[in-house]
Amino acid sequence: MKKTLCAWLNILLGCTILAAGFVFFINPYNIVPGGVYGASIVLHNLFPSIQVGTFGYMFDIPLLILSVVLLGAKLGTRTIAAALITPLIMNVLSELVYPTQEALESLDPEQLLGGVMNMTDHLMLTSIIGAAVIGIGTGIVIRNQATTGGSDIVGMLLQKYCHIRFSNAILLVDGTVVCFGLVVIGFGIGSADDVSQPSWHLSLYSLISIFIISRVIAYIINGAKNDKLIFVISDKNMHALHEYILKDLDRTATCIKSSGLYTGKEKEMLFLVISNKEVPGVKMTIKMADPDAFVVVTDAYDTFGAGWKELPSANELQPE
């Protein structure tokens, strides 16, 4: 019960962060970070009286049905909740941060919170910040086995049935949405008469945002991936290294009996996975135990087992 409650609270937190990213950094500048809400920004420009979050509801309904049918009832329930909460929070925040209905319909950044967050002259910065905030919110939701609807659901379907990595699937889907937005409307905070802000520039900012969102999602779910894999081959007694691994690092390793191809002499090969910060201590201990040892240090892309992560289940997300 406690674990389930925690998951639902995290989903609510992720939805709130996601909505804030759109309201404060994306929507006012017509940046289109793909997916349902990117398409919603397009439609809001055509129908200003309807909020971006409301369009989100319109897109999510058929995708939610697919989520329940194809991704499982448990995931579908959480996704339905997240997809319903996010547009609601987005609409409420929008009502609160704009002083008038006219400002709300135009999404005027000069009137956002009284103009204190107007970043019209810093589109690259607002693209990066907005994308990072959206990625963090989306990542939190996905880590709790839900999605925020829209392209998340499409990404999950592509992962499950087409074996495409989740973050790459999101990048593919959202990039397609941006391209359609450029063809249909031609985005930009400037108009056709304002050559200082040509509309196609906003599409480039949108593509930057999409890439950052996909990277942040992968980072939030998978972490920094800074584990290191070390192979140590020596023909001497490595007792000091064994003691260091077992007692100082509180880890274990695998000893593999081997022999030199040229000399035929028996050697000991040690297989060890440690964190990046533990590498210097291990290398120093190896040098003291056998200065002539052959050592290979490489990245461990993912590590599962005792003391590390559990192996994923069949329905668990694998964004990288």
C-alpha atoms as a PDB file:
ATOM      1  CA  MET A   1       0.000   0.000   0.000  1.00  0.00           C
ATOM      2  CA  LYS A   2       2.802   2.415   0.905  1.00  0.00           C
ATOM      3  CA  LYS A   3       4.633   1.692  -2.342  1.00  0.00           C
ATOM      4  CA  THR A   4       1.478   2.217  -4.379  1.00  0.00           C
ATOM      5  CA  LEU A   5       0.638   5.494  -2.625  1.00  0.00           C
ATOM      6  CA  CYS A   6       4.197   6.725  -3.187  1.00  0.00           C
ATOM      7  CA  ALA A   7       3.918   5.878  -6.881  1.00  0.00           C
ATOM      8  CA  TRP A   8       0.680   7.858  -7.235  1.00  0.00           C
ATOM      9  CA  LEU A   9       2.167  10.867  -5.427  1.00  0.00           C
ATOM     10  CA  ASN A  10       5.186  10.734  -7.725  1.00  0.00           C
ATOM     11  CA  ILE A  11       2.890  10.608 -10.741  1.00  0.00           C
ATOM     12  CA  LEU A  12       1.090  13.729  -9.479  1.00  0.00           C
ATOM     13  CA  LEU A  13       4.423  15.476  -8.930  1.00  0.00           C
ATOM     14  CA  GLY A  14       5.649  14.525 -12.399  1.00  0.00           C
ATOM     15  CA  CYS A  15       2.450  15.769 -14.032  1.00  0.00           C
ATOM     16  CA  THR A  16       2.747  19.099 -12.201  1.00  0.00           C
ATOM     17  CA  ILE A  17       6.373  19.575 -13.273  1.00  0.00           C
ATOM     18  CA  LEU A  18       5.485  18.650 -16.840  1.00  0.00           C
ATOM     19  CA  ALA A  19       2.572  21.099 -16.970  1.00  0.00           C
ATOM     20  CA  ALA A  20       4.715  23.892 -15.509  1.00  0.00           C
ATOM     21  CA  GLY A  21       7.345  23.332 -18.195  1.00  0.00           C
ATOM     22  CA  PHE A  22       4.765  23.878 -20.901  1.00  0.00           C
ATOM     23  CA  VAL A  23       2.974  26.824 -19.283  1.00  0.00           C
ATOM     24  CA  PHE A  24       6.066  28.868 -18.374  1.00  0.00           C
ATOM     25  CA  PHE A  25       8.628  27.980 -21.047  1.00  0.00           C
ATOM     26  CA  ILE A  26       7.007  26.389 -24.105  1.00  0.00           C
ATOM     27  CA  ASN A  27       3.446  27.514 -24.825  1.00  0.00           C
ATOM     28  CA  PRO A  28       4.056  31.307 -24.732  1.00  0.00           C
ATOM     29  CA  TYR A  29       6.752  31.069 -27.430  1.00  0.00           C
ATOM     30  CA  ASN A  30       5.047  28.666 -29.859  1.00  0.00           C
ATOM     31  CA  ILE A  31       7.806  26.101 -29.435  1.00  0.00           C
ATOM     32  CA  VAL A  32       6.458  22.714 -30.494  1.00  0.00           C
ATOM     33  CA  PRO A  33       8.062  19.862 -28.545  1.00  0.00           C
ATOM     34  CA  GLY A  34       6.113  17.258 -30.486  1.00  0.00           C
ATOM     35  CA  GLY A  35       3.465  14.901 -29.206  1.00  0.00           C
ATOM     36  CA  VAL A  36      -0.047  15.708 -28.111  1.00  0.00           C
ATOM     37  CA  TYR A  37       0.780  19.076 -26.591  1.00  0.00           C
ATOM     38  CA  GLY A  38       2.841  20.129 -29.600  1.00  0.00           C
ATOM     39  CA  ALA A  39      -0.167  19.449 -31.796  1.00  0.00           C
ATOM     40  CA  SER A  40      -2.309  21.239 -29.221  1.00  0.00           C
ATOM     41  CA  ILE A  41      -0.134  24.353 -29.523  1.00  0.00           C
ATOM     42  CA  VAL A  42      -0.720  24.265 -33.281  1.00  0.00           C
ATOM     43  CA  LEU A  43      -4.467  24.079 -32.811  1.00  0.00           C
ATOM     44  CA  HIS A  44      -4.470  26.768 -30.128  1.00  0.00           C
ATOM     45  CA  ASN A  45      -3.007  29.158 -32.699  1.00  0.00           C
ATOM     46  CA  LEU A  46      -5.957  28.354 -34.946  1.00  0.00           C
ATOM     47  CA  PHE A  47      -8.559  28.413 -32.158  1.00  0.00           C
ATOM     48  CA  PRO A  48      -7.223  30.730 -29.405  1.00  0.00           C
ATOM     49  CA  SER A  49     -10.352  30.464 -27.275  1.00  0.00           C
ATOM     50  CA  ILE A  50      -9.588  26.788 -26.551  1.00  0.00           C
ATOM     51  CA  GLN A  51      -6.693  26.190 -24.183  1.00  0.00           C
ATOM     52  CA  VAL A  52      -3.751  23.929 -24.983  1.00  0.00           C
ATOM     53  CA  GLY A  53      -4.695  21.548 -22.169  1.00  0.00           C
ATOM     54  CA  THR A  54      -8.205  21.158 -23.536  1.00  0.00           C
ATOM     55  CA  PHE A  55      -6.862  20.089 -26.910  1.00  0.00           C
ATOM     56  CA  GLY A  56      -4.732  17.605 -25.005  1.00  0.00           C
ATOM     57  CA  TYR A  57      -7.887  15.897 -23.763  1.00  0.00           C
ATOM     58  CA  MET A  58      -9.159  15.601 -27.333  1.00  0.00           C
ATOM     59  CA  PHE A  59      -6.035  13.822 -28.523  1.00  0.00           C
ATOM     60  CA  ASP A  60      -5.559  11.593 -25.501  1.00  0.00           C
ATOM     61  CA  ILE A  61      -8.873   9.701 -25.546  1.00  0.00           C
ATOM     62  CA  PRO A  62      -8.115   7.309 -28.470  1.00  0.00           C
ATOM     63  CA  LEU A  63      -4.519   6.900 -27.320  1.00  0.00           C
ATOM     64  CA  LEU A  64      -5.666   6.043 -23.803  1.00  0.00           C
ATOM     65  CA  ILE A  65      -7.894   3.324 -25.221  1.00  0.00           C
ATOM     66  CA  LEU A  66      -4.882   1.868 -27.020  1.00  0.00           C
ATOM     67  CA  SER A  67      -2.890   2.076 -23.793  1.00  0.00           C
ATOM     68  CA  VAL A  68      -5.439   0.066 -21.835  1.00  0.00           C
ATOM     69  CA  VAL A  69      -5.914  -2.532 -24.560  1.00  0.00           C
ATOM     70  CA  LEU A  70      -2.298  -3.012 -25.645  1.00  0.00           C
ATOM     71  CA  LEU A  71      -0.156  -2.064 -22.645  1.00  0.00           C
ATOM     72  CA  GLY A  72      -2.039  -3.685 -19.791  1.00  0.00           C
ATOM     73  CA  ALA A  73      -4.722  -2.706 -17.288  1.00  0.00           C
ATOM     74  CA  LYS A  74      -2.383  -1.556 -14.498  1.00  0.00           C
ATOM     75  CA  LEU A  75      -0.358   0.692 -16.756  1.00  0.00           C
ATOM     76  CA  GLY A  76      -3.533   1.854 -18.439  1.00  0.00           C
ATOM     77  CA  THR A  77      -5.085   2.945 -15.139  1.00  0.00           C
ATOM     78  CA  ARG A  78      -2.081   5.048 -14.166  1.00  0.00           C
ATOM     79  CA  THR A  79      -1.782   6.458 -17.653  1.00  0.00           C
ATOM     80  CA  ILE A  80      -5.443   7.461 -17.692  1.00  0.00           C
ATOM     81  CA  ALA A  81      -4.976   9.292 -14.401  1.00  0.00           C
ATOM     82  CA  ALA A  82      -1.788  11.043 -15.545  1.00  0.00           C
ATOM     83  CA  ALA A  83      -3.271  11.990 -18.915  1.00  0.00           C
ATOM     84  CA  LEU A  84      -6.353  13.477 -17.231  1.00  0.00           C
ATOM     85  CA  ILE A  85      -4.417  15.298 -14.515  1.00  0.00           C
ATOM     86  CA  THR A  86      -1.788  16.927 -16.740  1.00  0.00           C
ATOM     87  CA  PRO A  87      -4.121  18.968 -19.005  1.00  0.00           C
ATOM     88  CA  LEU A  88      -6.142  19.994 -15.950  1.00  0.00           C
ATOM     89  CA  ILE A  89      -3.060  21.291 -14.148  1.00  0.00           C
ATOM     90  CA  MET A  90      -1.938  22.999 -17.352  1.00  0.00           C
ATOM     91  CA  ASN A  91      -5.278  24.792 -17.750  1.00  0.00           C
ATOM     92  CA  VAL A  92      -5.396  25.822 -14.086  1.00  0.00           C
ATOM     93  CA  LEU A  93      -1.834  27.152 -14.155  1.00  0.00           C
ATOM     94  CA  SER A  94      -2.548  29.059 -17.354  1.00  0.00           C
ATOM     95  CA  GLU A  95      -5.596  30.692 -15.780  1.00  0.00           C
ATOM     96  CA  LEU A  96      -3.521  31.720 -12.771  1.00  0.00           C
ATOM     97  CA  VAL A  97      -0.466  33.165 -14.535  1.00  0.00           C
ATOM     98  CA  TYR A  98      -2.244  35.316 -17.145  1.00  0.00           C
ATOM     99  CA  PRO A  99      -4.135  38.407 -15.917  1.00  0.00           C
ATOM    100  CA  THR A 100      -6.854  38.561 -18.598  1.00  0.00           C
ATOM    101  CA  GLN A 101      -8.716  36.242 -20.953  1.00  0.00           C
ATOM    102  CA  GLU A 102      -7.194  38.060 -23.912  1.00  0.00           C
ATOM    103  CA  ALA A 103      -3.673  37.420 -22.596  1.00  0.00           C
ATOM    104  CA  LEU A 104      -4.574  33.783 -21.971  1.00  0.00           C
ATOM    105  CA  GLU A 105      -5.854  33.309 -25.507  1.00  0.00           C
ATOM    106  CA  SER A 106      -2.795  34.952 -27.062  1.00  0.00           C
ATOM    107  CA  LEU A 107      -0.388  33.307 -24.565  1.00  0.00           C
ATOM    108  CA  ASP A 108       1.390  36.655 -24.433  1.00  0.00           C
ATOM    109  CA  PRO A 109       4.786  36.171 -22.710  1.00  0.00           C
ATOM    110  CA  GLU A 110       4.883  39.874 -21.834  1.00  0.00           C
ATOM    111  CA  GLN A 111       1.916  39.335 -19.514  1.00  0.00           C
ATOM    112  CA  LEU A 112       3.048  36.007 -18.080  1.00  0.00           C
ATOM    113  CA  LEU A 113       3.299  36.594 -14.312  1.00  0.00           C
ATOM    114  CA  GLY A 114       3.288  40.321 -14.985  1.00  0.00           C
ATOM    115  CA  GLY A 115       6.169  40.039 -17.462  1.00  0.00           C
ATOM    116  CA  VAL A 116       8.755  38.815 -14.932  1.00  0.00           C
ATOM    117  CA  MET A 117       9.252  35.591 -16.928  1.00  0.00           C
ATOM    118  CA  ASN A 118       9.240  37.098 -20.403  1.00  0.00           C
ATOM    119  CA  MET A 119      12.026  35.284 -22.296  1.00  0.00           C
ATOM    120  CA  THR A 120      11.156  36.400 -25.815  1.00  0.00           C
ATOM    121  CA  ASP A 121      14.735  37.552 -26.375  1.00  0.00           C
ATOM    122  CA  HIS A 122      16.192  34.294 -25.040  1.00  0.00           C
ATOM    123  CA  LEU A 123      14.511  31.582 -27.075  1.00  0.00           C
ATOM    124  CA  MET A 124      17.442  29.171 -26.883  1.00  0.00           C
ATOM    125  CA  LEU A 125      17.472  29.434 -23.091  1.00  0.00           C
ATOM    126  CA  THR A 126      13.734  28.966 -22.735  1.00  0.00           C
ATOM    127  CA  SER A 127      13.871  25.985 -25.136  1.00  0.00           C
ATOM    128  CA  ILE A 128      16.562  24.299 -23.051  1.00  0.00           C
ATOM    129  CA  ILE A 129      14.965  25.053 -19.674  1.00  0.00           C
ATOM    130  CA  GLY A 130      11.492  24.085 -20.838  1.00  0.00           C
ATOM    131  CA  ALA A 131      12.729  20.847 -22.394  1.00  0.00           C
ATOM    132  CA  ALA A 132      14.665  19.919 -19.244  1.00  0.00           C
ATOM    133  CA  VAL A 133      11.637  20.577 -17.005  1.00  0.00           C
ATOM    134  CA  ILE A 134       9.327  18.585 -19.296  1.00  0.00           C
ATOM    135  CA  GLY A 135      11.829  15.730 -19.463  1.00  0.00           C
ATOM    136  CA  ILE A 136      12.124  15.610 -15.674  1.00  0.00           C
ATOM    137  CA  GLY A 137       8.345  15.536 -15.214  1.00  0.00           C
ATOM    138  CA  THR A 138       7.843  12.911 -17.906  1.00  0.00           C
ATOM    139  CA  GLY A 139      10.684  10.787 -16.553  1.00  0.00           C
ATOM    140  CA  ILE A 140       9.206  10.801 -13.047  1.00  0.00           C
ATOM    141  CA  VAL A 141       5.849   9.672 -14.410  1.00  0.00           C
ATOM    142  CA  ILE A 142       7.376   6.907 -16.546  1.00  0.00           C
ATOM    143  CA  ARG A 143       9.525   5.642 -13.671  1.00  0.00           C
ATOM    144  CA  ASN A 144       6.277   4.935 -11.852  1.00  0.00           C
ATOM    145  CA  GLN A 145       4.991   2.789 -14.729  1.00  0.00           C
ATOM    146  CA  ALA A 146       2.667   5.367 -16.239  1.00  0.00           C
ATOM    147  CA  THR A 147       2.732   7.775 -19.151  1.00  0.00           C
ATOM    148  CA  THR A 148       1.399  11.274 -19.617  1.00  0.00           C
ATOM    149  CA  GLY A 149      -0.481  10.187 -22.703  1.00  0.00           C
ATOM    150  CA  GLY A 150       0.184  11.217 -26.259  1.00  0.00           C
ATOM    151  CA  SER A 151       3.581  10.430 -27.720  1.00  0.00           C
ATOM    152  CA  ASP A 152       4.523   8.496 -24.552  1.00  0.00           C
ATOM    153  CA  ILE A 153       1.896   5.902 -25.447  1.00  0.00           C
ATOM    154  CA  VAL A 154       3.036   5.797 -29.068  1.00  0.00           C
ATOM    155  CA  GLY A 155       6.631   5.442 -27.850  1.00  0.00           C
ATOM    156  CA  MET A 156       5.674   2.531 -25.611  1.00  0.00           C
ATOM    157  CA  LEU A 157       3.832   0.825 -28.466  1.00  0.00           C
ATOM    158  CA  LEU A 158       6.848   1.254 -30.765  1.00  0.00           C
ATOM    159  CA  GLN A 159       9.091  -0.138 -28.029  1.00  0.00           C
ATOM    160  CA  LYS A 160       6.887  -3.147 -27.395  1.00  0.00           C
ATOM    161  CA  TYR A 161       5.950  -4.082 -30.951  1.00  0.00           C
ATOM    162  CA  CYS A 162       8.730  -2.588 -33.107  1.00  0.00           C
ATOM    163  CA  HIS A 163      11.612  -3.043 -30.615  1.00  0.00           C
ATOM    164  CA  ILE A 164      12.644   0.601 -30.847  1.00  0.00           C
ATOM    165  CA  ARG A 165      14.241   2.142 -27.761  1.00  0.00           C
ATOM    166  CA  PHE A 166      11.719   4.259 -25.899  1.00  0.00           C
ATOM    167  CA  SER A 167      13.661   7.541 -26.004  1.00  0.00           C
ATOM    168  CA  ASN A 168      14.395   7.042 -29.731  1.00  0.00           C
ATOM    169  CA  ALA A 169      10.731   6.328 -30.380  1.00  0.00           C
ATOM    170  CA  ILE A 170       9.761   9.547 -28.597  1.00  0.00           C
ATOM    171  CA  LEU A 171      12.311  11.453 -30.689  1.00  0.00           C
ATOM    172  CA  LEU A 172      10.901   9.942 -33.894  1.00  0.00           C
ATOM    173  CA  VAL A 173       7.260  10.659 -33.072  1.00  0.00           C
ATOM    174  CA  ASP A 174       7.858  14.184 -31.793  1.00  0.00           C
ATOM    175  CA  GLY A 175      10.088  15.075 -34.725  1.00  0.00           C
ATOM    176  CA  THR A 176       7.289  14.047 -37.069  1.00  0.00           C
ATOM    177  CA  VAL A 177       4.839  16.308 -35.222  1.00  0.00           C
ATOM    178  CA  VAL A 178       7.204  19.281 -35.549  1.00  0.00           C
ATOM    179  CA  CYS A 179       7.582  18.697 -39.267  1.00  0.00           C
ATOM    180  CA  PHE A 180       3.818  18.631 -39.738  1.00  0.00           C
ATOM    181  CA  GLY A 181       3.507  21.784 -37.640  1.00  0.00           C
ATOM    182  CA  LEU A 182       6.027  23.539 -39.865  1.00  0.00           C
ATOM    183  CA  VAL A 183       4.225  22.465 -43.035  1.00  0.00           C
ATOM    184  CA  VAL A 184       0.722  23.340 -41.812  1.00  0.00           C
ATOM    185  CA  ILE A 185       1.314  26.614 -39.986  1.00  0.00           C
ATOM    186  CA  GLY A 186       4.948  27.700 -39.975  1.00  0.00           C
ATOM    187  CA  PHE A 187       5.695  28.461 -36.354  1.00  0.00           C
ATOM    188  CA  GLY A 188       7.350  31.523 -34.855  1.00  0.00           C
ATOM    189  CA  ILE A 189       6.775  34.315 -32.387  1.00  0.00           C
ATOM    190  CA  GLY A 190       7.302  36.668 -35.335  1.00  0.00           C
ATOM    191  CA  SER A 191       4.989  36.990 -38.335  1.00  0.00           C
ATOM    192  CA  ALA A 192       5.634  36.771 -42.043  1.00  0.00           C
ATOM    193  CA  ASP A 193       6.380  40.502 -42.000  1.00  0.00           C
ATOM    194  CA  ASP A 194       8.917  40.124 -39.204  1.00  0.00           C
ATOM    195  CA  VAL A 195      12.021  38.758 -40.890  1.00  0.00           C
ATOM    196  CA  SER A 196      14.000  39.044 -37.650  1.00  0.00           C
ATOM    197  CA  GLN A 197      12.077  36.083 -36.296  1.00  0.00           C
ATOM    198  CA  PRO A 198      11.303  33.831 -39.308  1.00  0.00           C
ATOM    199  CA  SER A 199       8.901  31.056 -38.446  1.00  0.00           C
ATOM    200  CA  TRP A 200      11.238  28.216 -39.381  1.00  0.00           C
ATOM    201  CA  HIS A 201      13.636  29.290 -36.612  1.00  0.00           C
ATOM    202  CA  LEU A 202      11.047  28.188 -34.060  1.00  0.00           C
ATOM    203  CA  SER A 203      10.950  24.736 -35.630  1.00  0.00           C
ATOM    204  CA  LEU A 204      14.702  24.426 -35.087  1.00  0.00           C
ATOM    205  CA  TYR A 205      14.274  25.427 -31.439  1.00  0.00           C
ATOM    206  CA  SER A 206      11.527  22.808 -31.252  1.00  0.00           C
ATOM    207  CA  LEU A 207      13.834  20.085 -32.553  1.00  0.00           C
ATOM    208  CA  ILE A 208      16.452  21.083 -29.978  1.00  0.00           C
ATOM    209  CA  SER A 209      13.805  20.836 -27.254  1.00  0.00           C
ATOM    210  CA  ILE A 210      12.701  17.409 -28.437  1.00  0.00           C
ATOM    211  CA  PHE A 211      16.256  16.074 -28.332  1.00  0.00           C
ATOM    212  CA  ILE A 212      16.837  17.455 -24.822  1.00  0.00           C
ATOM    213  CA  ILE A 213      13.519  16.004 -23.600  1.00  0.00           C
ATOM    214  CA  SER A 214      14.440  12.539 -24.888  1.00  0.00           C
ATOM    215  CA  ARG A 215      17.887  12.701 -23.240  1.00  0.00           C
ATOM    216  CA  VAL A 216      16.524  13.924 -19.906  1.00  0.00           C
ATOM    217  CA  ILE A 217      13.840  11.207 -19.891  1.00  0.00           C
ATOM    218  CA  ALA A 218      16.509   8.561 -20.460  1.00  0.00           C
ATOM    219  CA  TYR A 219      18.698  10.059 -17.709  1.00  0.00           C
ATOM    220  CA  ILE A 220      15.846  10.224 -15.170  1.00  0.00           C
ATOM    221  CA  ILE A 221      14.874   6.589 -15.794  1.00  0.00           C
ATOM    222  CA  ASN A 222      18.305   5.018 -16.223  1.00  0.00           C
ATOM    223  CA  GLY A 223      20.550   7.330 -14.222  1.00  0.00           C
ATOM    224  CA  ALA A 224      24.012   8.511 -15.171  1.00  0.00           C
ATOM    225  CA  LYS A 225      25.269   5.044 -16.201  1.00  0.00           C
ATOM    226  CA  ASN A 226      28.688   5.611 -14.654  1.00  0.00           C
ATOM    227  CA  ASP A 227      29.374   2.008 -13.642  1.00  0.00           C
ATOM    228  CA  LYS A 228      32.750   0.642 -14.720  1.00  0.00           C
ATOM    229  CA  LEU A 229      33.759  -2.884 -15.716  1.00  0.00           C
ATOM    230  CA  ILE A 230      37.305  -3.897 -14.788  1.00  0.00           C
ATOM    231  CA  PHE A 231      39.309  -6.934 -15.925  1.00  0.00           C
ATOM    232  CA  VAL A 232      42.547  -7.607 -14.035  1.00  0.00           C
ATOM    233  CA  ILE A 233      44.964 -10.295 -15.244  1.00  0.00           C
ATOM    234  CA  SER A 234      47.976 -11.195 -13.145  1.00  0.00           C
ATOM    235  CA  ASP A 235      50.273 -14.158 -12.523  1.00  0.00           C
ATOM    236  CA  LYS A 236      50.895 -13.051  -8.926  1.00  0.00           C
ATOM    237  CA  ASN A 237      48.965 -13.458  -5.700  1.00  0.00           C
ATOM    238  CA  MET A 238      46.299 -10.730  -5.696  1.00  0.00           C
ATOM    239  CA  HIS A 239      45.279 -11.283  -2.061  1.00  0.00           C
ATOM    240  CA  ALA A 240      45.602  -7.559  -1.239  1.00  0.00           C
ATOM    241  CA  LEU A 241      43.180  -6.692  -4.044  1.00  0.00           C
ATOM    242  CA  HIS A 242      40.746  -9.367  -2.889  1.00  0.00           C
ATOM    243  CA  GLU A 243      40.759  -7.910   0.625  1.00  0.00           C
ATOM    244  CA  TYR A 244      40.267  -4.383  -0.685  1.00  0.00           C
ATOM    245  CA  ILE A 245      37.255  -5.412  -2.783  1.00  0.00           C
ATOM    246  CA  LEU A 246      35.616  -7.456  -0.037  1.00  0.00           C
ATOM    247  CA  LYS A 247      36.298  -5.234   2.970  1.00  0.00           C
ATOM    248  CA  ASP A 248      36.938  -1.686   1.779  1.00  0.00           C
ATOM    249  CA  LEU A 249      34.469  -1.619  -1.114  1.00  0.00           C
ATOM    250  CA  ASP A 250      32.060  -4.134   0.434  1.00  0.00           C
ATOM    251  CA  ARG A 251      31.643  -5.731  -2.974  1.00  0.00           C
ATOM    252  CA  THR A 252      32.511  -9.023  -4.591  1.00  0.00           C
ATOM    253  CA  ALA A 253      34.104 -10.115  -7.854  1.00  0.00           C
ATOM    254  CA  THR A 254      34.576 -13.208  -9.987  1.00  0.00           C
ATOM    255  CA  CYS A 255      37.916 -15.020 -10.247  1.00  0.00           C
ATOM    256  CA  ILE A 256      38.479 -16.770 -13.574  1.00  0.00           C
ATOM    257  CA  LYS A 257      41.342 -19.195 -14.053  1.00  0.00           C
ATOM    258  CA  SER A 258      43.169 -18.434 -17.292  1.00  0.00           C
ATOM    259  CA  SER A 259      46.512 -18.870 -19.013  1.00  0.00           C
ATOM    260  CA  GLY A 260      48.713 -16.754 -21.245  1.00  0.00           C
ATOM    261  CA  LEU A 261      48.377 -17.581 -24.940  1.00  0.00           C
ATOM    262  CA  TYR A 262      52.101 -17.220 -25.615  1.00  0.00           C
ATOM    263  CA  THR A 263      53.652 -18.451 -22.350  1.00  0.00           C
ATOM    264  CA  GLY A 264      50.982 -20.960 -21.390  1.00  0.00           C
ATOM    265  CA  LYS A 265      51.522 -19.812 -17.791  1.00  0.00           C
ATOM    266  CA  GLU A 266      48.518 -19.958 -15.462  1.00  0.00           C
ATOM    267  CA  LYS A 267      47.106 -16.584 -14.499  1.00  0.00           C
ATOM    268  CA  GLU A 268      44.230 -15.199 -12.489  1.00  0.00           C
ATOM    269  CA  MET A 269      41.655 -12.968 -14.181  1.00  0.00           C
ATOM    270  CA  LEU A 270      39.413 -10.870 -11.951  1.00  0.00           C
ATOM    271  CA  PHE A 271      36.059  -9.645 -13.221  1.00  0.00           C
ATOM    272  CA  LEU A 272      34.720  -6.644 -11.264  1.00  0.00           C
ATOM    273  CA  VAL A 273      31.968  -4.008 -11.633  1.00  0.00           C
ATOM    274  CA  ILE A 274      32.275  -0.833  -9.562  1.00  0.00           C
ATOM    275  CA  SER A 275      31.126   2.755  -9.618  1.00  0.00           C
ATOM    276  CA  ASN A 276      33.211   5.409 -11.350  1.00  0.00           C
ATOM    277  CA  LYS A 277      34.323   6.997  -8.074  1.00  0.00           C
ATOM    278  CA  GLU A 278      35.735   3.649  -6.868  1.00  0.00           C
ATOM    279  CA  VAL A 279      38.031   3.200  -9.880  1.00  0.00           C
ATOM    280  CA  PRO A 280      41.034   5.220  -8.551  1.00  0.00           C
ATOM    281  CA  GLY A 281      41.200   3.183  -5.317  1.00  0.00           C
ATOM    282  CA  VAL A 282      41.055  -0.096  -7.223  1.00  0.00           C
ATOM    283  CA  LYS A 283      43.791   0.969  -9.646  1.00  0.00           C
ATOM    284  CA  MET A 284      46.023   2.067  -6.752  1.00  0.00           C
ATOM    285  CA  THR A 285      45.523  -1.284  -4.996  1.00  0.00           C
ATOM    286  CA  ILE A 286      46.287  -3.181  -8.208  1.00  0.00           C
ATOM    287  CA  LYS A 287      49.517  -1.226  -8.626  1.00  0.00           C
ATOM    288  CA  MET A 288      50.611  -2.137  -5.096  1.00  0.00           C
ATOM    289  CA  ALA A 289      49.676  -5.809  -5.533  1.00  0.00           C
ATOM    290  CA  ASP A 290      51.193  -6.238  -9.008  1.00  0.00           C
ATOM    291  CA  PRO A 291      52.619  -3.253 -10.940  1.00  0.00           C
ATOM    292  CA  ASP A 292      52.830  -5.424 -14.059  1.00  0.00           C
ATOM    293  CA  ALA A 293      49.178  -6.539 -14.019  1.00  0.00           C
ATOM    294  CA  PHE A 294      47.165  -6.201 -17.212  1.00  0.00           C
ATOM    295  CA  VAL A 295      44.116  -4.018 -16.496  1.00  0.00           C
ATOM    296  CA  VAL A 296      41.163  -3.078 -18.690  1.00  0.00           C
ATOM    297  CA  VAL A 297      38.634  -0.450 -17.525  1.00  0.00           C
ATOM    298  CA  THR A 298      35.539   0.103 -19.645  1.00  0.00           C
ATOM    299  CA  ASP A 299      31.977   1.383 -19.266  1.00  0.00           C
ATOM    300  CA  ALA A 300      29.309  -1.007 -18.002  1.00  0.00           C
ATOM    301  CA  TYR A 301      26.210   0.040 -19.941  1.00  0.00           C
ATOM    302  CA  ASP A 302      23.784  -1.617 -17.537  1.00  0.00           C
ATOM    303  CA  THR A 303      24.338  -3.769 -14.445  1.00  0.00           C
ATOM    304  CA  PHE A 304      21.854  -6.229 -12.964  1.00  0.00           C
ATOM    305  CA  GLY A 305      22.093  -8.656 -10.072  1.00  0.00           C
ATOM    306  CA  ALA A 306      22.807  -8.685  -6.341  1.00  0.00           C
ATOM    307  CA  GLY A 307      23.853  -5.245  -5.164  1.00  0.00           C
ATOM    308  CA  TRP A 308      22.725  -3.665  -8.436  1.00  0.00           C
ATOM    309  CA  LYS A 309      19.420  -3.355 -10.271  1.00  0.00           C
ATOM    310  CA  GLU A 310      16.870  -6.127 -10.644  1.00  0.00           C
ATOM    311  CA  LEU A 311      16.413  -7.616 -14.090  1.00  0.00           C
ATOM    312  CA  PRO A 312      13.449  -5.913 -15.796  1.00  0.00           C
ATOM    313  CA  SER A 313      10.147  -7.664 -16.259  1.00  0.00           C
ATOM    314  CA  ALA A 314       8.541  -8.146 -19.647  1.00  0.00           C
ATOM    315  CA  ASN A 315       6.337  -5.025 -19.320  1.00  0.00           C
ATOM    316  CA  GLU A 316       8.919  -2.753 -17.732  1.00  0.00           C
ATOM    317  CA  LEU A 317      10.132   0.275 -19.661  1.00  0.00           C
ATOM    318  CA  GLN A 318      13.618   0.159 -21.168  1.00  0.00           C
ATOM    319  CA  PRO A 319      14.213   3.661 -22.576  1.00  0.00           C
ATOM    320  CA  GLU A 320      17.868   2.992 -23.419  1.00  0.00           C
END
